[in-house]
């Protein structure tokens, strides 16, 4: 039985070999139990700066091969406990969390700025394309009165549909980023 605290992703076989000088024999493995804890924070929208709810989940996953039938039975046991959130529970390493939060807010502000610039440039490009299309229509209606007017497929050249797609994407990213920044400001 080995107990280890995991804060990063790692390879279990490498961990057992390097730290405990052990290997796993998967052919002779009868019972494998994984126990871990998950700390979850649920944000509330009741008031602007209300504290979130905190939960502690104790999870135990058991893989049982004692029957040796070729089918490994799995058991999942989880126990959820409600905890009142305090600053220590939310931020176990407060300095790192504050720096990380500020970097995320800065990155989100950069993303928001770039997205707004992208939105403005796409609208501007479509606007100029629309004006060019109007000028071409006017030119063809005055200069070539005996010919049929331009078809829609010919006028589509002036409208890039990628710009429409980028505008829709920007319209979804902008409020999402604003909400994310608001959430990061909410949990201090």
Protein backbone atom coordinates (compact mmCIF):
# COMPACT_ATOMS: atom_id res chain seq x y z
CA UNK A 1 0.00 0.00 0.00
CA UNK A 2 1.45 3.34 -1.07
CA UNK A 3 0.18 6.78 -0.21
CA UNK A 4 1.25 9.83 -2.14
CA UNK A 5 0.04 13.38 -2.55
CA UNK A 6 -0.43 14.43 -6.14
CA UNK A 7 -0.48 18.05 -7.15
CA UNK A 8 0.63 17.54 -10.75
CA UNK A 9 0.04 14.87 -13.35
CA UNK A 10 2.59 12.13 -13.19
CA UNK A 11 3.26 8.53 -14.21
CA UNK A 12 2.40 6.05 -11.45
CA UNK A 13 4.85 3.40 -12.69
CA UNK A 14 7.68 5.93 -12.79
CA UNK A 15 6.74 7.20 -9.32
CA UNK A 16 6.73 3.69 -7.83
CA UNK A 17 9.99 2.75 -9.53
CA UNK A 18 11.91 5.93 -8.65
CA UNK A 19 10.60 6.57 -5.12
CA UNK A 20 9.75 3.12 -3.76
CA UNK A 21 11.79 0.90 -6.11
CA UNK A 22 8.63 -1.10 -6.88
CA UNK A 23 6.92 -2.19 -10.09
CA UNK A 24 3.33 -3.20 -10.81
CA UNK A 25 2.64 -6.73 -12.01
CA UNK A 26 -0.64 -6.26 -13.84
CA UNK A 27 -1.10 -10.01 -14.47
CA UNK A 28 -1.11 -10.80 -10.77
CA UNK A 29 -3.07 -7.73 -9.69
CA UNK A 30 -6.13 -8.79 -7.67
CA UNK A 31 -7.30 -5.58 -6.06
CA UNK A 32 -6.57 -1.97 -6.87
CA UNK A 33 -7.99 0.84 -4.77
CA UNK A 34 -7.71 4.50 -5.70
CA UNK A 35 -8.63 7.02 -3.03
CA UNK A 36 -8.55 10.73 -3.60
CA UNK A 37 -10.21 13.91 -2.46
CA UNK A 38 -11.68 16.67 -4.57
CA UNK A 39 -12.30 20.16 -3.29
CA UNK A 40 -15.00 21.95 -5.28
CA UNK A 41 -16.16 25.53 -5.09
CA UNK A 42 -19.65 26.52 -6.23
CA UNK A 43 -20.02 30.19 -7.03
CA UNK A 44 -23.29 31.90 -6.15
CA UNK A 45 -24.86 34.86 -7.89
CA UNK A 46 -27.05 36.06 -5.04
CA UNK A 47 -24.98 39.09 -4.17
CA UNK A 48 -22.01 40.61 -5.90
CA UNK A 49 -19.36 39.62 -3.35
CA UNK A 50 -21.00 36.67 -1.59
CA UNK A 51 -18.76 33.80 -0.53
CA UNK A 52 -19.11 30.61 -2.56
CA UNK A 53 -20.11 27.20 -1.21
CA UNK A 54 -17.31 24.69 -0.71
CA UNK A 55 -17.59 20.94 -0.98
CA UNK A 56 -15.20 18.15 -0.09
CA UNK A 57 -15.63 14.91 -2.02
CA UNK A 58 -13.90 11.76 -0.76
CA UNK A 59 -13.80 9.32 -3.65
CA UNK A 60 -12.79 5.66 -3.54
CA UNK A 61 -12.59 3.59 -6.72
CA UNK A 62 -11.97 -0.15 -6.33
CA UNK A 63 -11.05 -2.53 -9.14
CA UNK A 64 -11.65 -6.11 -7.96
CA UNK A 65 -10.17 -9.06 -9.89
CA UNK A 66 -10.42 -11.64 -7.09
CA UNK A 67 -12.95 -13.74 -9.02
CA UNK A 68 -10.45 -14.13 -11.90
CA UNK A 69 -13.23 -14.45 -14.47
CA UNK A 70 -11.71 -12.00 -16.90
CA UNK A 71 -14.12 -9.29 -15.85
CA UNK A 72 -12.87 -6.76 -13.35
CA UNK A 73 -15.59 -5.43 -11.08
CA UNK A 74 -15.50 -1.75 -10.30
CA UNK A 75 -16.90 -0.07 -7.23
CA UNK A 76 -17.26 3.67 -6.80
CA UNK A 77 -17.88 5.16 -3.38
CA UNK A 78 -18.06 8.88 -2.91
CA UNK A 79 -18.88 10.95 0.11
CA UNK A 80 -19.73 14.63 -0.29
CA UNK A 81 -19.43 17.02 2.62
CA UNK A 82 -20.48 20.64 2.64
CA UNK A 83 -18.00 23.08 4.12
CA UNK A 84 -18.36 26.75 4.77
CA UNK A 85 -15.79 28.55 2.72
CA UNK A 86 -13.19 30.69 4.32
CA UNK A 87 -10.14 32.32 2.81
CA UNK A 88 -7.81 29.49 3.90
CA UNK A 89 -10.01 26.80 2.37
CA UNK A 90 -10.37 28.61 -0.92
CA UNK A 91 -6.72 29.64 -1.15
CA UNK A 92 -4.35 27.14 0.39
CA UNK A 93 -1.40 28.98 -1.10
CA UNK A 94 -2.74 32.53 -1.08
CA UNK A 95 0.27 34.30 -2.64
CA UNK A 96 0.47 31.92 -5.60
CA UNK A 97 -3.29 32.03 -6.05
CA UNK A 98 -3.34 35.84 -6.03
CA UNK A 99 -0.55 36.04 -8.61
CA UNK A 100 -2.24 33.37 -10.73
CA UNK A 101 -5.60 35.17 -10.50
CA UNK A 102 -4.04 38.49 -11.49
CA UNK A 103 -2.25 36.88 -14.44
CA UNK A 104 -5.51 35.26 -15.56
CA UNK A 105 -7.33 38.58 -15.30
CA UNK A 106 -4.56 40.27 -17.32
CA UNK A 107 -4.71 37.51 -19.96
CA UNK A 108 -8.50 37.76 -20.11
CA UNK A 109 -8.26 41.54 -20.54
CA UNK A 110 -5.80 41.03 -23.42
CA UNK A 111 -8.18 38.48 -25.00
CA UNK A 112 -11.08 40.90 -24.54
CA UNK A 113 -9.12 43.75 -26.13
CA UNK A 114 -8.05 41.63 -29.13
CA UNK A 115 -11.58 40.31 -29.58
CA UNK A 116 -13.07 43.81 -29.54
CA UNK A 117 -10.46 44.95 -32.11
CA UNK A 118 -11.28 41.89 -34.25
CA UNK A 119 -15.00 42.67 -34.01
CA UNK A 120 -14.47 46.31 -35.02
CA UNK A 121 -12.20 45.40 -37.95
CA UNK A 122 -14.62 42.74 -39.25
CA UNK A 123 -17.55 45.17 -39.08
CA UNK A 124 -15.43 47.81 -40.80
CA UNK A 125 -14.42 45.41 -43.57
CA UNK A 126 -18.02 44.34 -44.17
CA UNK A 127 -19.10 48.00 -44.17
CA UNK A 128 -16.51 48.92 -46.82
CA UNK A 129 -17.47 45.84 -48.85
CA UNK A 130 -21.11 46.88 -48.68
CA UNK A 131 -20.29 50.42 -49.88
CA UNK A 132 -18.16 49.04 -52.71
CA UNK A 133 -21.03 46.74 -53.67
CA UNK A 134 -23.42 49.72 -53.75
CA UNK A 135 -21.00 51.68 -55.96
CA UNK A 136 -20.63 48.76 -58.37
CA UNK A 137 -24.42 48.34 -58.54
CA UNK A 138 -24.82 52.07 -59.22
CA UNK A 139 -22.10 52.00 -61.87
CA UNK A 140 -23.65 49.02 -63.67
CA UNK A 141 -27.15 50.47 -63.45
CA UNK A 142 -26.01 53.79 -65.03
CA UNK A 143 -23.37 52.57 -67.49
CA UNK A 144 -25.05 49.40 -68.69
CA UNK A 145 -28.72 50.17 -68.79
CA UNK A 146 -29.52 47.60 -71.48
CA UNK A 147 -27.89 44.65 -69.70
CA UNK A 148 -29.49 42.77 -66.87
CA UNK A 149 -28.48 43.82 -63.33
CA UNK A 150 -25.78 42.00 -61.43
CA UNK A 151 -26.82 38.72 -59.82
CA UNK A 152 -26.47 38.04 -56.11
CA UNK A 153 -23.71 35.49 -56.77
CA UNK A 154 -21.70 38.25 -58.47
CA UNK A 155 -22.26 40.62 -55.56
CA UNK A 156 -21.19 37.99 -53.00
CA UNK A 157 -17.60 38.71 -53.89
CA UNK A 158 -17.79 41.89 -51.82
CA UNK A 159 -18.94 40.09 -48.66
CA UNK A 160 -16.57 37.65 -47.02
CA UNK A 161 -18.63 35.15 -45.06
CA UNK A 162 -15.61 34.43 -42.87
CA UNK A 163 -16.12 37.91 -41.45
CA UNK A 164 -19.70 37.02 -40.52
CA UNK A 165 -18.43 33.91 -38.76
CA UNK A 166 -15.74 35.89 -36.94
CA UNK A 167 -18.32 38.49 -35.85
CA UNK A 168 -20.57 35.77 -34.42
CA UNK A 169 -17.58 34.22 -32.63
CA UNK A 170 -16.52 37.60 -31.24
CA UNK A 171 -20.07 38.27 -30.06
CA UNK A 172 -19.89 35.05 -28.03
CA UNK A 173 -16.33 35.52 -26.74
CA UNK A 174 -16.83 39.10 -25.50
CA UNK A 175 -19.64 38.40 -22.98
CA UNK A 176 -18.03 35.09 -21.97
CA UNK A 177 -14.75 36.82 -21.19
CA UNK A 178 -16.52 39.58 -19.27
CA UNK A 179 -18.36 36.97 -17.19
CA UNK A 180 -15.09 35.09 -16.56
CA UNK A 181 -13.36 38.28 -15.41
CA UNK A 182 -16.32 38.97 -13.12
CA UNK A 183 -16.01 35.49 -11.61
CA UNK A 184 -12.28 35.95 -11.05
CA UNK A 185 -12.97 39.24 -9.28
CA UNK A 186 -15.70 37.59 -7.22
CA UNK A 187 -13.44 34.96 -5.59
CA UNK A 188 -10.65 36.93 -3.97
